[in-house]
Amino acid sequence: MNITTAIDGTSARISPSGEIDFDTLPPLRASVDALPPQVTDLQWDLAGTAFMDVTGLNFLFAPAPHDSAPGRRTTVTGLNRQPLWLLLLAAEVRPVAFDLSRLIPDIPPADFRPAAP
């Protein structure tokens, strides 16, 4: 797995290239751990990720126990077919635990109700 990290002020973009699974979790965690504490926005660019298993799903939703920036906003972009399918399936099965509005800002929260006309 190749991982590229770009930092611009308080924003960081991490772009892994390869599959996200149990074996590739340590370098992904190391990338997050290496971010300076002033990074408050983290974007995962998954354009180079064709496959992600449940390990990756949990990694994206669970904050690191030793995260140096609690409250850091995490978003995802560049979702390929299989990782997107996994996220949508998880959100359908457990909408509260896997609230996609946290990762994909253009998706309304699961409890969102449009205003009555």
Protein backbone atom coordinates (compact mmCIF):
# COMPACT_ATOMS: atom_id res chain seq x y z
CA MET A 1 0.00 0.00 0.00
CA ASN A 2 1.19 3.47 -0.89
CA ILE A 3 -0.07 6.37 1.19
CA THR A 4 0.28 10.03 0.32
CA THR A 5 -0.43 12.74 2.88
CA ALA A 6 -0.83 16.42 2.03
CA ILE A 7 -1.23 19.01 4.78
CA ASP A 8 -2.44 22.57 4.19
CA GLY A 9 -2.85 24.51 7.42
CA THR A 10 -5.57 22.82 9.45
CA SER A 11 -6.57 20.43 6.65
CA ALA A 12 -5.02 17.14 5.62
CA ARG A 13 -5.72 14.79 2.73
CA ILE A 14 -4.62 11.16 3.01
CA SER A 15 -4.68 9.17 -0.23
CA PRO A 16 -4.09 5.44 0.13
CA SER A 17 -3.49 3.37 -2.97
CA GLY A 18 -4.37 -0.29 -2.60
CA GLU A 19 -6.82 -2.40 -0.65
CA ILE A 20 -7.93 -1.39 2.83
CA ASP A 21 -8.11 -4.43 5.09
CA PHE A 22 -6.73 -5.75 8.37
CA ASP A 23 -3.19 -6.04 6.97
CA THR A 24 -3.07 -2.45 5.72
CA LEU A 25 -4.57 -0.91 8.85
CA PRO A 26 -1.23 -0.24 10.66
CA PRO A 27 0.17 2.11 7.97
CA LEU A 28 -3.20 3.89 7.73
CA ARG A 29 -3.24 4.42 11.50
CA ALA A 30 0.37 5.61 11.37
CA SER A 31 -0.62 8.20 8.74
CA VAL A 32 -3.33 9.58 11.02
CA ASP A 33 -1.06 9.44 14.08
CA ALA A 34 1.60 11.44 12.21
CA LEU A 35 -0.77 14.36 11.59
CA PRO A 36 -0.03 17.45 13.64
CA PRO A 37 -2.64 18.25 16.32
CA GLN A 38 -3.68 21.47 14.56
CA VAL A 39 -5.21 19.41 11.71
CA THR A 40 -8.95 19.68 12.32
CA ASP A 41 -10.15 18.49 8.90
CA LEU A 42 -9.08 15.12 7.54
CA GLN A 43 -10.14 14.01 4.09
CA TRP A 44 -9.60 10.44 2.92
CA ASP A 45 -9.24 10.31 -0.85
CA LEU A 46 -10.12 6.72 -1.72
CA ALA A 47 -9.83 7.08 -5.51
CA GLY A 48 -6.91 4.61 -5.42
CA THR A 49 -8.81 2.09 -3.29
CA ALA A 50 -10.81 -0.50 -5.21
CA PHE A 51 -11.54 -2.74 -2.19
CA MET A 52 -12.26 -2.11 1.48
CA ASP A 53 -13.40 -4.67 4.03
CA VAL A 54 -15.19 -4.18 7.34
CA THR A 55 -11.86 -3.25 8.96
CA GLY A 56 -11.72 -0.16 6.78
CA LEU A 57 -15.36 0.60 7.47
CA ASN A 58 -14.78 0.54 11.23
CA PHE A 59 -11.55 2.52 10.85
CA LEU A 60 -13.34 5.36 9.05
CA PHE A 61 -16.10 5.59 11.65
CA ALA A 62 -14.26 4.92 14.91
CA PRO A 63 -11.99 7.65 16.24
CA ALA A 64 -8.53 6.51 17.21
CA PRO A 65 -8.32 6.03 20.99
CA HIS A 66 -5.11 8.07 21.12
CA ASP A 67 -6.07 10.65 18.50
CA SER A 68 -4.18 13.86 19.17
CA ALA A 69 -7.08 15.91 17.78
CA PRO A 70 -10.38 14.76 19.27
CA GLY A 71 -13.27 16.25 17.35
CA ARG A 72 -11.35 16.19 14.10
CA ARG A 73 -13.78 16.25 11.16
CA THR A 74 -13.28 13.30 8.81
CA THR A 75 -14.69 13.11 5.28
CA VAL A 76 -14.28 10.71 2.37
CA THR A 77 -14.00 11.41 -1.34
CA GLY A 78 -13.21 9.42 -4.48
CA LEU A 79 -15.22 6.36 -3.49
CA ASN A 80 -14.99 3.50 -5.95
CA ARG A 81 -17.81 1.03 -6.47
CA GLN A 82 -17.02 -1.60 -3.80
CA PRO A 83 -16.09 0.78 -0.93
CA LEU A 84 -19.19 2.86 -1.70
CA TRP A 85 -21.35 -0.29 -1.72
CA LEU A 86 -19.92 -1.30 1.67
CA LEU A 87 -20.63 2.13 3.18
CA LEU A 88 -24.19 2.18 1.80
CA LEU A 89 -24.88 -1.34 3.04
CA ALA A 90 -23.56 -0.55 6.52
CA ALA A 91 -25.65 2.64 6.65
CA GLU A 92 -28.74 0.70 5.61
CA VAL A 93 -28.24 -2.03 8.20
CA ARG A 94 -27.08 0.21 11.07
CA PRO A 95 -27.91 3.84 10.20
CA VAL A 96 -27.07 5.26 13.62
CA ALA A 97 -23.67 3.53 13.88
CA PHE A 98 -22.74 4.23 10.26
CA ASP A 99 -24.17 7.69 9.67
CA LEU A 100 -22.87 8.59 6.22
CA SER A 101 -23.54 12.29 6.77
CA ARG A 102 -20.42 12.24 8.97
CA LEU A 103 -18.18 11.03 6.16
CA ILE A 104 -19.93 12.32 3.07
CA PRO A 105 -21.16 15.85 3.85
CA ASP A 106 -23.63 15.96 0.93
CA ILE A 107 -25.71 13.14 2.45
CA PRO A 108 -28.32 14.24 5.02
CA PRO A 109 -28.30 12.52 8.43
CA ALA A 110 -30.36 9.33 8.81
CA ASP A 111 -32.92 11.12 11.03
CA PHE A 112 -33.29 14.05 8.60
CA ARG A 113 -36.87 14.92 7.79
CA PRO A 114 -37.63 17.55 5.15
CA ALA A 115 -39.85 20.43 6.23
CA ALA A 116 -43.54 19.91 5.59
CA PRO A 117 -44.89 21.97 2.69
